[in-house]
Amino acid sequence: MRRRDFILLLGGTAAYCPFPALGQRARARIGFLSINSPENDARFFAAFKEGLQSLGHIEGRTIDIDYRASSGDTTTLAELAQDLIRLKPQVMLANSVTPTRTINRIAPDMPIVCPSFSDGFVPSLATSFARPGGRVTGVATDVESLIGKLAELVFDLMPDLSRIGYLSNPAGGSMGRFEQQVKIAAKARGVELRIAHAERRDEIAGALRQLADDIVQAVIVPTNGLLNSSRALIVDTAMGLRLPLVFGTREGAMAGGLASYGINGVENYRRAAVYVDKILKGAAPGDLPIEFPTKIELVINLKTAKALSLKVPPILLDRADEVIE
């Protein structure tokens, strides 16, 4: 579905140039392509604009930002990317690897900053983290096998479990690698793993019911555009099935999941603003190292644990960065 209700300021008609001097035009233009929904992007978008403002870029005065979101639908990304490119931005922000690859394929000379860079795609998008070498840079998300650590978190939350579920969107660029990490973690613990796939929003409830029928004791939900955009549906369906959920983003725990373990996405977007600022001032993205996130957070939702009659081990509560009561 094509989303335009969250499009921000449109304006400016200067010709595209990869690295213009800001003095050559009244306002710089930034394109933002997301696979998430506007609702799920709101906090991150706000952090990005705060980061820009701290560097002297004021939306509507010194910069214009054009936003397009596919709400988890990968089939519309190319059309949305072309729409943004026609507006002639100096740099593009892509919320994850899939829209990054889409932009890079359509406009290979376009500078791109990705605040959620997955290392599985370095060969196709960048030569290395230290020196990307192409038109893509940003901040990494998949650090220290985070998906495998999500599985470890499930084992620590429910030490007696014997079967876990994994909700996957096979259309997602990182899903194959994520699944492999979960398989390795489950095998190491001698725990049976069941995987259910959903490529569209209307397949999610059925995938969760399939996992419930398989009698899994908890479900891992990785970071993915479709799954992020369908978070409320996932939580509501799982609670009806009494399935504990462990998410790869804190927003999942905030929405009613049992727990989450992952990067601080807000901080990644603030750091992405620094990259955009440097590119607008003439830096080549290939010379800007892809950074690793500085903070990984554990969030536990005790309210959900009580609703599911689960007791969270005290050691995890002590380790948690945030406990929702």
C-alpha atoms as a PDB file:
ATOM      1  CA  MET A   1       0.000   0.000   0.000  1.00  0.00           C
ATOM      2  CA  ARG A   2       1.316   3.407  -0.920  1.00  0.00           C
ATOM      3  CA  ARG A   3       1.552   5.661   2.100  1.00  0.00           C
ATOM      4  CA  ARG A   4       1.459   9.431   1.633  1.00  0.00           C
ATOM      5  CA  ASP A   5      -0.241  10.579   4.788  1.00  0.00           C
ATOM      6  CA  PHE A   6       3.087  10.964   6.537  1.00  0.00           C
ATOM      7  CA  ILE A   7       4.908  12.803   3.755  1.00  0.00           C
ATOM      8  CA  LEU A   8       6.641  15.825   5.165  1.00  0.00           C
ATOM      9  CA  LEU A   9       7.754  18.989   3.460  1.00  0.00           C
ATOM     10  CA  LEU A  10       8.068  19.050  -0.303  1.00  0.00           C
ATOM     11  CA  GLY A  11       9.964  21.849  -1.958  1.00  0.00           C
ATOM     12  CA  GLY A  12      13.082  22.861  -3.854  1.00  0.00           C
ATOM     13  CA  THR A  13      13.902  21.996  -7.423  1.00  0.00           C
ATOM     14  CA  ALA A  14      17.670  22.184  -7.746  1.00  0.00           C
ATOM     15  CA  ALA A  15      19.345  19.543  -9.902  1.00  0.00           C
ATOM     16  CA  TYR A  16      20.814  16.503  -8.191  1.00  0.00           C
ATOM     17  CA  CYS A  17      24.493  16.531  -7.412  1.00  0.00           C
ATOM     18  CA  PRO A  18      26.090  13.842  -5.193  1.00  0.00           C
ATOM     19  CA  PHE A  19      27.997  16.226  -2.922  1.00  0.00           C
ATOM     20  CA  PRO A  20      26.792  19.818  -3.262  1.00  0.00           C
ATOM     21  CA  ALA A  21      28.005  22.740  -1.232  1.00  0.00           C
ATOM     22  CA  LEU A  22      25.179  23.943   0.967  1.00  0.00           C
ATOM     23  CA  GLY A  23      25.667  27.513  -0.196  1.00  0.00           C
ATOM     24  CA  GLN A  24      24.597  26.538  -3.717  1.00  0.00           C
ATOM     25  CA  ARG A  25      20.947  26.231  -2.732  1.00  0.00           C
ATOM     26  CA  ALA A  26      18.550  27.662  -0.173  1.00  0.00           C
ATOM     27  CA  ARG A  27      17.805  24.308   1.446  1.00  0.00           C
ATOM     28  CA  ALA A  28      19.317  20.865   1.268  1.00  0.00           C
ATOM     29  CA  ARG A  29      17.001  17.959   0.539  1.00  0.00           C
ATOM     30  CA  ILE A  30      16.954  14.592   2.296  1.00  0.00           C
ATOM     31  CA  GLY A  31      14.896  11.603   1.165  1.00  0.00           C
ATOM     32  CA  PHE A  32      13.774   9.018   3.729  1.00  0.00           C
ATOM     33  CA  LEU A  33      12.618   5.595   2.510  1.00  0.00           C
ATOM     34  CA  SER A  34      11.265   3.182   5.125  1.00  0.00           C
ATOM     35  CA  ILE A  35       9.885  -0.325   5.057  1.00  0.00           C
ATOM     36  CA  ASN A  36       8.113   0.378   8.365  1.00  0.00           C
ATOM     37  CA  SER A  37       4.850   2.232   8.912  1.00  0.00           C
ATOM     38  CA  PRO A  38       4.681   5.948   9.794  1.00  0.00           C
ATOM     39  CA  GLU A  39       3.416   5.044  13.260  1.00  0.00           C
ATOM     40  CA  ASN A  40       6.388   2.788  13.949  1.00  0.00           C
ATOM     41  CA  ASP A  41       8.837   5.303  12.500  1.00  0.00           C
ATOM     42  CA  ALA A  42       7.605   8.279  14.525  1.00  0.00           C
ATOM     43  CA  ARG A  43      10.081   7.972  17.428  1.00  0.00           C
ATOM     44  CA  PHE A  44      13.006   7.270  15.122  1.00  0.00           C
ATOM     45  CA  PHE A  45      12.120  10.089  12.743  1.00  0.00           C
ATOM     46  CA  ALA A  46      11.906  12.482  15.684  1.00  0.00           C
ATOM     47  CA  ALA A  47      15.348  11.350  16.906  1.00  0.00           C
ATOM     48  CA  PHE A  48      16.811  11.825  13.432  1.00  0.00           C
ATOM     49  CA  LYS A  49      15.445  15.361  13.186  1.00  0.00           C
ATOM     50  CA  GLU A  50      16.691  16.135  16.716  1.00  0.00           C
ATOM     51  CA  GLY A  51      20.126  14.961  15.647  1.00  0.00           C
ATOM     52  CA  LEU A  52      20.013  17.180  12.570  1.00  0.00           C
ATOM     53  CA  GLN A  53      18.843  20.140  14.628  1.00  0.00           C
ATOM     54  CA  SER A  54      21.757  19.734  17.039  1.00  0.00           C
ATOM     55  CA  LEU A  55      24.010  20.122  13.987  1.00  0.00           C
ATOM     56  CA  GLY A  56      22.266  23.293  12.816  1.00  0.00           C
ATOM     57  CA  HIS A  57      19.844  21.784  10.290  1.00  0.00           C
ATOM     58  CA  ILE A  58      16.300  23.044  10.821  1.00  0.00           C
ATOM     59  CA  GLU A  59      13.518  21.390   8.842  1.00  0.00           C
ATOM     60  CA  GLY A  60      11.726  23.916   6.677  1.00  0.00           C
ATOM     61  CA  ARG A  61      14.530  26.460   7.064  1.00  0.00           C
ATOM     62  CA  THR A  62      17.829  24.834   6.114  1.00  0.00           C
ATOM     63  CA  ILE A  63      16.628  21.393   4.990  1.00  0.00           C
ATOM     64  CA  ASP A  64      13.599  19.657   3.508  1.00  0.00           C
ATOM     65  CA  ILE A  65      12.813  16.025   4.314  1.00  0.00           C
ATOM     66  CA  ASP A  66      10.648  13.865   2.055  1.00  0.00           C
ATOM     67  CA  TYR A  67       9.332  10.647   3.585  1.00  0.00           C
ATOM     68  CA  ARG A  68       7.853   7.508   2.054  1.00  0.00           C
ATOM     69  CA  ALA A  69       6.897   4.314   3.909  1.00  0.00           C
ATOM     70  CA  SER A  70       5.823   0.933   2.551  1.00  0.00           C
ATOM     71  CA  SER A  71       4.343  -0.339   5.850  1.00  0.00           C
ATOM     72  CA  GLY A  72       6.032  -3.707   5.455  1.00  0.00           C
ATOM     73  CA  ASP A  73       5.153  -4.181   1.780  1.00  0.00           C
ATOM     74  CA  THR A  74       8.393  -4.835  -0.102  1.00  0.00           C
ATOM     75  CA  THR A  75       6.630  -4.766  -3.479  1.00  0.00           C
ATOM     76  CA  THR A  76       6.073  -0.992  -3.299  1.00  0.00           C
ATOM     77  CA  LEU A  77       9.608  -0.018  -2.299  1.00  0.00           C
ATOM     78  CA  ALA A  78      10.929   0.504  -5.838  1.00  0.00           C
ATOM     79  CA  GLU A  79       8.058   2.806  -6.754  1.00  0.00           C
ATOM     80  CA  LEU A  80       8.455   4.793  -3.529  1.00  0.00           C
ATOM     81  CA  ALA A  81      12.229   5.041  -4.060  1.00  0.00           C
ATOM     82  CA  GLN A  82      11.726   6.379  -7.582  1.00  0.00           C
ATOM     83  CA  ASP A  83       9.219   8.885  -6.232  1.00  0.00           C
ATOM     84  CA  LEU A  84      11.804  10.202  -3.787  1.00  0.00           C
ATOM     85  CA  ILE A  85      14.611  10.239  -6.342  1.00  0.00           C
ATOM     86  CA  ARG A  86      12.498  12.402  -8.643  1.00  0.00           C
ATOM     87  CA  LEU A  87      12.554  15.043  -5.884  1.00  0.00           C
ATOM     88  CA  LYS A  88      16.368  15.188  -6.289  1.00  0.00           C
ATOM     89  CA  PRO A  89      17.677  14.739  -2.746  1.00  0.00           C
ATOM     90  CA  GLN A  90      21.362  15.193  -1.933  1.00  0.00           C
ATOM     91  CA  VAL A  91      21.313  12.146   0.360  1.00  0.00           C
ATOM     92  CA  MET A  92      18.887   9.370   1.227  1.00  0.00           C
ATOM     93  CA  LEU A  93      18.130   7.815   4.614  1.00  0.00           C
ATOM     94  CA  ALA A  94      17.006   4.171   4.346  1.00  0.00           C
ATOM     95  CA  ASN A  95      15.635   2.646   7.513  1.00  0.00           C
ATOM     96  CA  SER A  96      17.040  -0.841   6.872  1.00  0.00           C
ATOM     97  CA  VAL A  97      18.953  -3.009   4.419  1.00  0.00           C
ATOM     98  CA  THR A  98      16.034  -3.834   2.105  1.00  0.00           C
ATOM     99  CA  PRO A  99      15.194  -0.209   1.171  1.00  0.00           C
ATOM    100  CA  THR A 100      18.937   0.520   1.055  1.00  0.00           C
ATOM    101  CA  ARG A 101      19.389  -2.136  -1.603  1.00  0.00           C
ATOM    102  CA  THR A 102      16.363  -0.843  -3.495  1.00  0.00           C
ATOM    103  CA  ILE A 103      17.720   2.713  -3.667  1.00  0.00           C
ATOM    104  CA  ASN A 104      21.219   1.517  -4.492  1.00  0.00           C
ATOM    105  CA  ARG A 105      19.902  -0.566  -7.392  1.00  0.00           C
ATOM    106  CA  ILE A 106      17.820   2.264  -8.854  1.00  0.00           C
ATOM    107  CA  ALA A 107      20.268   5.133  -8.224  1.00  0.00           C
ATOM    108  CA  PRO A 108      23.775   3.684  -7.696  1.00  0.00           C
ATOM    109  CA  ASP A 109      25.328   7.163  -7.391  1.00  0.00           C
ATOM    110  CA  MET A 110      22.983   8.258  -4.607  1.00  0.00           C
ATOM    111  CA  PRO A 111      24.601   8.625  -1.148  1.00  0.00           C
ATOM    112  CA  ILE A 112      22.687   6.481   1.360  1.00  0.00           C
ATOM    113  CA  VAL A 113      22.795   6.423   5.163  1.00  0.00           C
ATOM    114  CA  CYS A 114      21.315   3.342   6.829  1.00  0.00           C
ATOM    115  CA  PRO A 115      20.803   3.452  10.627  1.00  0.00           C
ATOM    116  CA  SER A 116      20.038  -0.292  10.715  1.00  0.00           C
ATOM    117  CA  PHE A 117      22.872  -1.867   8.751  1.00  0.00           C
ATOM    118  CA  SER A 118      23.026  -5.655   8.799  1.00  0.00           C
ATOM    119  CA  ASP A 119      26.512  -7.098   8.382  1.00  0.00           C
ATOM    120  CA  GLY A 120      25.219  -9.921   6.214  1.00  0.00           C
ATOM    121  CA  PHE A 121      24.984  -7.476   3.322  1.00  0.00           C
ATOM    122  CA  VAL A 122      28.372  -5.788   3.565  1.00  0.00           C
ATOM    123  CA  PRO A 123      29.688  -7.523   0.409  1.00  0.00           C
ATOM    124  CA  SER A 124      26.833  -6.212  -1.731  1.00  0.00           C
ATOM    125  CA  LEU A 125      26.633  -2.709  -0.237  1.00  0.00           C
ATOM    126  CA  ALA A 126      30.070  -1.963   1.186  1.00  0.00           C
ATOM    127  CA  THR A 127      33.586  -3.335   0.951  1.00  0.00           C
ATOM    128  CA  SER A 128      33.981  -3.384   4.734  1.00  0.00           C
ATOM    129  CA  PHE A 129      32.721  -1.675   7.867  1.00  0.00           C
ATOM    130  CA  ALA A 130      35.963   0.256   8.255  1.00  0.00           C
ATOM    131  CA  ARG A 131      35.944   1.561   4.684  1.00  0.00           C
ATOM    132  CA  PRO A 132      32.643   1.026   2.868  1.00  0.00           C
ATOM    133  CA  GLY A 133      34.076   2.315  -0.417  1.00  0.00           C
ATOM    134  CA  GLY A 134      30.762   2.858  -2.181  1.00  0.00           C
ATOM    135  CA  ARG A 135      27.728   5.071  -1.688  1.00  0.00           C
ATOM    136  CA  VAL A 136      26.379   3.408   1.478  1.00  0.00           C
ATOM    137  CA  THR A 137      27.296   3.939   5.123  1.00  0.00           C
ATOM    138  CA  GLY A 138      25.549   4.083   8.480  1.00  0.00           C
ATOM    139  CA  VAL A 139      25.210   2.292  11.817  1.00  0.00           C
ATOM    140  CA  ALA A 140      25.095  -1.483  12.322  1.00  0.00           C
ATOM    141  CA  THR A 141      22.396  -3.411  14.160  1.00  0.00           C
ATOM    142  CA  ASP A 142      23.290  -7.101  13.951  1.00  0.00           C
ATOM    143  CA  VAL A 143      25.988  -7.135  16.590  1.00  0.00           C
ATOM    144  CA  GLU A 144      27.363 -10.194  18.371  1.00  0.00           C
ATOM    145  CA  SER A 145      24.714 -12.504  16.846  1.00  0.00           C
ATOM    146  CA  LEU A 146      21.820 -10.673  18.466  1.00  0.00           C
ATOM    147  CA  ILE A 147      19.215 -13.066  17.076  1.00  0.00           C
ATOM    148  CA  GLY A 148      21.044 -15.985  18.652  1.00  0.00           C
ATOM    149  CA  LYS A 149      21.082 -14.040  21.904  1.00  0.00           C
ATOM    150  CA  LEU A 150      17.319 -13.597  21.643  1.00  0.00           C
ATOM    151  CA  ALA A 151      17.057 -17.377  21.747  1.00  0.00           C
ATOM    152  CA  GLU A 152      19.356 -17.434  24.767  1.00  0.00           C
ATOM    153  CA  LEU A 153      17.086 -14.883  26.447  1.00  0.00           C
ATOM    154  CA  VAL A 154      14.082 -17.165  25.911  1.00  0.00           C
ATOM    155  CA  PHE A 155      15.984 -20.049  27.514  1.00  0.00           C
ATOM    156  CA  ASP A 156      16.883 -17.856  30.499  1.00  0.00           C
ATOM    157  CA  LEU A 157      13.312 -16.601  30.877  1.00  0.00           C
ATOM    158  CA  MET A 158      11.844 -20.111  30.691  1.00  0.00           C
ATOM    159  CA  PRO A 159      14.547 -22.595  31.746  1.00  0.00           C
ATOM    160  CA  ASP A 160      12.273 -25.624  31.443  1.00  0.00           C
ATOM    161  CA  LEU A 161      11.083 -25.085  27.891  1.00  0.00           C
ATOM    162  CA  SER A 162      11.629 -27.782  25.288  1.00  0.00           C
ATOM    163  CA  ARG A 163      10.147 -26.219  22.138  1.00  0.00           C
ATOM    164  CA  ILE A 164      10.357 -22.634  20.853  1.00  0.00           C
ATOM    165  CA  GLY A 165       8.837 -20.892  17.874  1.00  0.00           C
ATOM    166  CA  TYR A 166      10.261 -18.377  15.446  1.00  0.00           C
ATOM    167  CA  LEU A 167       8.097 -16.024  13.378  1.00  0.00           C
ATOM    168  CA  SER A 168       9.824 -15.224  10.100  1.00  0.00           C
ATOM    169  CA  ASN A 169       9.138 -13.146   7.000  1.00  0.00           C
ATOM    170  CA  PRO A 170      11.025 -14.946   4.206  1.00  0.00           C
ATOM    171  CA  ALA A 171      10.780 -11.828   2.028  1.00  0.00           C
ATOM    172  CA  GLY A 172      13.056  -9.980   4.466  1.00  0.00           C
ATOM    173  CA  GLY A 173      16.653  -9.618   3.362  1.00  0.00           C
ATOM    174  CA  SER A 174      18.191 -10.840   6.646  1.00  0.00           C
ATOM    175  CA  MET A 175      15.726 -13.607   7.501  1.00  0.00           C
ATOM    176  CA  GLY A 176      17.734 -16.548   6.185  1.00  0.00           C
ATOM    177  CA  ARG A 177      20.749 -15.616   8.276  1.00  0.00           C
ATOM    178  CA  PHE A 178      18.593 -14.871  11.325  1.00  0.00           C
ATOM    179  CA  GLU A 179      16.918 -18.273  11.077  1.00  0.00           C
ATOM    180  CA  GLN A 180      20.310 -19.957  10.947  1.00  0.00           C
ATOM    181  CA  GLN A 181      21.405 -18.186  14.128  1.00  0.00           C
ATOM    182  CA  VAL A 182      18.273 -19.334  15.962  1.00  0.00           C
ATOM    183  CA  LYS A 183      18.728 -22.915  14.733  1.00  0.00           C
ATOM    184  CA  ILE A 184      22.286 -22.971  16.052  1.00  0.00           C
ATOM    185  CA  ALA A 185      21.220 -21.603  19.456  1.00  0.00           C
ATOM    186  CA  ALA A 186      18.319 -24.048  19.774  1.00  0.00           C
ATOM    187  CA  LYS A 187      20.454 -27.032  18.778  1.00  0.00           C
ATOM    188  CA  ALA A 188      23.128 -26.069  21.305  1.00  0.00           C
ATOM    189  CA  ARG A 189      20.497 -26.171  24.077  1.00  0.00           C
ATOM    190  CA  GLY A 190      18.801 -29.322  22.823  1.00  0.00           C
ATOM    191  CA  VAL A 191      15.567 -27.389  22.263  1.00  0.00           C
ATOM    192  CA  GLU A 192      13.201 -28.126  19.384  1.00  0.00           C
ATOM    193  CA  LEU A 193      12.622 -25.193  17.012  1.00  0.00           C
ATOM    194  CA  ARG A 194       9.491 -24.597  14.952  1.00  0.00           C
ATOM    195  CA  ILE A 195       9.467 -21.851  12.285  1.00  0.00           C
ATOM    196  CA  ALA A 196       6.347 -20.212  10.855  1.00  0.00           C
ATOM    197  CA  HIS A 197       6.470 -17.891   7.837  1.00  0.00           C
ATOM    198  CA  ALA A 198       4.399 -14.818   7.030  1.00  0.00           C
ATOM    199  CA  GLU A 199       5.129 -12.651   3.993  1.00  0.00           C
ATOM    200  CA  ARG A 200       1.971 -10.536   4.312  1.00  0.00           C
ATOM    201  CA  ARG A 201       0.080  -9.014   7.194  1.00  0.00           C
ATOM    202  CA  ASP A 202      -2.923 -11.279   6.599  1.00  0.00           C
ATOM    203  CA  GLU A 203      -0.681 -14.341   7.077  1.00  0.00           C
ATOM    204  CA  ILE A 204       0.616 -13.381  10.527  1.00  0.00           C
ATOM    205  CA  ALA A 205      -2.290 -14.569  12.681  1.00  0.00           C
ATOM    206  CA  GLY A 206      -2.302 -17.914  10.884  1.00  0.00           C
ATOM    207  CA  ALA A 207       1.450 -18.308  11.387  1.00  0.00           C
ATOM    208  CA  LEU A 208       1.073 -17.702  15.117  1.00  0.00           C
ATOM    209  CA  ARG A 209      -1.828 -20.172  15.319  1.00  0.00           C
ATOM    210  CA  GLN A 210       0.395 -22.697  13.562  1.00  0.00           C
ATOM    211  CA  LEU A 211       3.053 -22.223  16.257  1.00  0.00           C
ATOM    212  CA  ALA A 212       0.414 -22.573  18.970  1.00  0.00           C
ATOM    213  CA  ASP A 213      -0.776 -25.814  17.348  1.00  0.00           C
ATOM    214  CA  ASP A 214       2.852 -26.971  17.400  1.00  0.00           C
ATOM    215  CA  ILE A 215       2.744 -26.407  21.180  1.00  0.00           C
ATOM    216  CA  VAL A 216       5.695 -24.019  21.296  1.00  0.00           C
ATOM    217  CA  GLN A 217       6.261 -22.437  24.690  1.00  0.00           C
ATOM    218  CA  ALA A 218       7.514 -19.063  23.441  1.00  0.00           C
ATOM    219  CA  VAL A 219       7.973 -17.243  20.120  1.00  0.00           C
ATOM    220  CA  ILE A 220      10.908 -15.154  18.918  1.00  0.00           C
ATOM    221  CA  VAL A 221       9.966 -12.165  16.743  1.00  0.00           C
ATOM    222  CA  PRO A 222      12.962 -10.686  14.881  1.00  0.00           C
ATOM    223  CA  THR A 223      13.330  -7.146  13.589  1.00  0.00           C
ATOM    224  CA  ASN A 224      11.664  -6.867  10.185  1.00  0.00           C
ATOM    225  CA  GLY A 225       9.635  -4.214   8.394  1.00  0.00           C
ATOM    226  CA  LEU A 226       6.455  -6.274   8.089  1.00  0.00           C
ATOM    227  CA  LEU A 227       6.685  -7.624  11.625  1.00  0.00           C
ATOM    228  CA  ASN A 228       7.486  -4.205  13.083  1.00  0.00           C
ATOM    229  CA  SER A 229       4.513  -2.670  11.287  1.00  0.00           C
ATOM    230  CA  SER A 230       2.257  -5.493  12.531  1.00  0.00           C
ATOM    231  CA  ARG A 231       3.442  -5.418  16.133  1.00  0.00           C
ATOM    232  CA  ALA A 232       0.010  -4.736  17.668  1.00  0.00           C
ATOM    233  CA  LEU A 233      -1.550  -7.577  15.655  1.00  0.00           C
ATOM    234  CA  ILE A 234       1.243  -9.958  16.698  1.00  0.00           C
ATOM    235  CA  VAL A 235       0.883  -9.104  20.386  1.00  0.00           C
ATOM    236  CA  ASP A 236      -2.924  -9.279  20.397  1.00  0.00           C
ATOM    237  CA  THR A 237      -2.953 -12.622  18.564  1.00  0.00           C
ATOM    238  CA  ALA A 238      -0.222 -14.125  20.740  1.00  0.00           C
ATOM    239  CA  MET A 239      -1.882 -13.032  23.969  1.00  0.00           C
ATOM    240  CA  GLY A 240      -5.109 -14.673  22.815  1.00  0.00           C
ATOM    241  CA  LEU A 241      -3.109 -17.857  22.220  1.00  0.00           C
ATOM    242  CA  ARG A 242      -1.159 -17.359  25.478  1.00  0.00           C
ATOM    243  CA  LEU A 243       2.140 -17.370  23.618  1.00  0.00           C
ATOM    244  CA  PRO A 244       5.004 -15.430  25.267  1.00  0.00           C
ATOM    245  CA  LEU A 245       6.820 -13.222  22.750  1.00  0.00           C
ATOM    246  CA  VAL A 246      10.455 -12.136  22.795  1.00  0.00           C
ATOM    247  CA  PHE A 247      11.198  -9.288  20.365  1.00  0.00           C
ATOM    248  CA  GLY A 248      14.348  -7.928  18.774  1.00  0.00           C
ATOM    249  CA  THR A 249      13.273  -4.340  19.511  1.00  0.00           C
ATOM    250  CA  ARG A 250      12.262  -2.599  22.753  1.00  0.00           C
ATOM    251  CA  GLU A 251       9.081  -1.420  21.054  1.00  0.00           C
ATOM    252  CA  GLY A 252       7.928  -5.044  21.075  1.00  0.00           C
ATOM    253  CA  ALA A 253       8.191  -5.292  24.851  1.00  0.00           C
ATOM    254  CA  MET A 254       6.569  -1.882  25.221  1.00  0.00           C
ATOM    255  CA  ALA A 255       3.646  -3.092  23.082  1.00  0.00           C
ATOM    256  CA  GLY A 256       3.026  -6.123  25.302  1.00  0.00           C
ATOM    257  CA  GLY A 257       5.689  -8.681  24.469  1.00  0.00           C
ATOM    258  CA  LEU A 258       7.247 -10.546  27.370  1.00  0.00           C
ATOM    259  CA  ALA A 259      10.734  -9.169  26.711  1.00  0.00           C
ATOM    260  CA  SER A 260      13.079  -7.662  24.154  1.00  0.00           C
ATOM    261  CA  TYR A 261      16.798  -7.549  23.567  1.00  0.00           C
ATOM    262  CA  GLY A 262      18.325  -5.316  20.955  1.00  0.00           C
ATOM    263  CA  ILE A 263      19.910  -2.051  20.018  1.00  0.00           C
ATOM    264  CA  ASN A 264      18.653   1.388  20.976  1.00  0.00           C
ATOM    265  CA  GLY A 265      17.150   2.378  17.629  1.00  0.00           C
ATOM    266  CA  VAL A 266      16.588   5.968  18.686  1.00  0.00           C
ATOM    267  CA  GLU A 267      20.301   6.398  19.303  1.00  0.00           C
ATOM    268  CA  ASN A 268      21.127   4.900  15.896  1.00  0.00           C
ATOM    269  CA  TYR A 269      18.931   7.490  14.189  1.00  0.00           C
ATOM    270  CA  ARG A 270      20.574  10.329  16.094  1.00  0.00           C
ATOM    271  CA  ARG A 271      23.929   9.038  14.924  1.00  0.00           C
ATOM    272  CA  ALA A 272      22.617   8.725  11.379  1.00  0.00           C
ATOM    273  CA  ALA A 273      22.072  12.497  11.433  1.00  0.00           C
ATOM    274  CA  VAL A 274      25.827  12.945  11.875  1.00  0.00           C
ATOM    275  CA  TYR A 275      26.468  10.939   8.708  1.00  0.00           C
ATOM    276  CA  VAL A 276      23.913  12.968   6.758  1.00  0.00           C
ATOM    277  CA  ASP A 277      25.481  16.212   7.977  1.00  0.00           C
ATOM    278  CA  LYS A 278      28.945  15.093   6.849  1.00  0.00           C
ATOM    279  CA  ILE A 279      27.680  14.050   3.422  1.00  0.00           C
ATOM    280  CA  LEU A 280      25.838  17.341   2.961  1.00  0.00           C
ATOM    281  CA  LYS A 281      29.112  19.084   3.747  1.00  0.00           C
ATOM    282  CA  GLY A 282      30.937  17.139   1.053  1.00  0.00           C
ATOM    283  CA  ALA A 283      32.127  13.893   2.625  1.00  0.00           C
ATOM    284  CA  ALA A 284      31.980  10.742   0.501  1.00  0.00           C
ATOM    285  CA  PRO A 285      29.924   7.983   2.174  1.00  0.00           C
ATOM    286  CA  GLY A 286      32.507   5.413   1.153  1.00  0.00           C
ATOM    287  CA  ASP A 287      35.042   7.186   3.387  1.00  0.00           C
ATOM    288  CA  LEU A 288      32.755   7.147   6.468  1.00  0.00           C
ATOM    289  CA  PRO A 289      33.147   3.913   8.505  1.00  0.00           C
ATOM    290  CA  ILE A 290      30.002   1.977   9.366  1.00  0.00           C
ATOM    291  CA  GLU A 291      29.772   2.226  13.159  1.00  0.00           C
ATOM    292  CA  PHE A 292      28.593  -0.309  15.689  1.00  0.00           C
ATOM    293  CA  PRO A 293      25.803   0.584  18.138  1.00  0.00           C
ATOM    294  CA  THR A 294      26.956   1.667  21.558  1.00  0.00           C
ATOM    295  CA  LYS A 295      24.034   0.344  23.595  1.00  0.00           C
ATOM    296  CA  ILE A 296      22.096  -2.934  23.634  1.00  0.00           C
ATOM    297  CA  GLU A 297      19.068  -3.033  25.919  1.00  0.00           C
ATOM    298  CA  LEU A 298      17.155  -5.721  27.772  1.00  0.00           C
ATOM    299  CA  VAL A 299      13.526  -4.828  28.495  1.00  0.00           C
ATOM    300  CA  ILE A 300      11.177  -7.090  30.472  1.00  0.00           C
ATOM    301  CA  ASN A 301       7.426  -6.599  30.695  1.00  0.00           C
ATOM    302  CA  LEU A 302       6.305  -7.879  34.109  1.00  0.00           C
ATOM    303  CA  LYS A 303       2.710  -6.941  33.361  1.00  0.00           C
ATOM    304  CA  THR A 304       2.723  -9.406  30.461  1.00  0.00           C
ATOM    305  CA  ALA A 305       4.526 -12.025  32.542  1.00  0.00           C
ATOM    306  CA  LYS A 306       1.786 -11.839  35.182  1.00  0.00           C
ATOM    307  CA  ALA A 307      -0.949 -12.041  32.533  1.00  0.00           C
ATOM    308  CA  LEU A 308       0.692 -15.238  31.231  1.00  0.00           C
ATOM    309  CA  SER A 309       1.286 -16.598  34.767  1.00  0.00           C
ATOM    310  CA  LEU A 310       5.044 -16.610  34.232  1.00  0.00           C
ATOM    311  CA  LYS A 311       7.650 -15.890  36.877  1.00  0.00           C
ATOM    312  CA  VAL A 312      10.674 -14.020  35.570  1.00  0.00           C
ATOM    313  CA  PRO A 313      13.955 -15.147  37.210  1.00  0.00           C
ATOM    314  CA  PRO A 314      15.227 -12.410  39.569  1.00  0.00           C
ATOM    315  CA  ILE A 315      18.657 -12.441  37.928  1.00  0.00           C
ATOM    316  CA  LEU A 316      17.078 -11.253  34.667  1.00  0.00           C
ATOM    317  CA  LEU A 317      15.184  -8.492  36.426  1.00  0.00           C
ATOM    318  CA  ASP A 318      18.485  -7.324  37.918  1.00  0.00           C
ATOM    319  CA  ARG A 319      20.103  -7.320  34.471  1.00  0.00           C
ATOM    320  CA  ALA A 320      17.259  -5.542  32.722  1.00  0.00           C
ATOM    321  CA  ASP A 321      17.742  -1.982  31.508  1.00  0.00           C
ATOM    322  CA  GLU A 322      14.017  -1.411  31.946  1.00  0.00           C
ATOM    323  CA  VAL A 323      11.245  -3.351  33.706  1.00  0.00           C
ATOM    324  CA  ILE A 324       7.647  -2.583  32.755  1.00  0.00           C
ATOM    325  CA  GLU A 325       5.287  -3.089  35.690  1.00  0.00           C
END
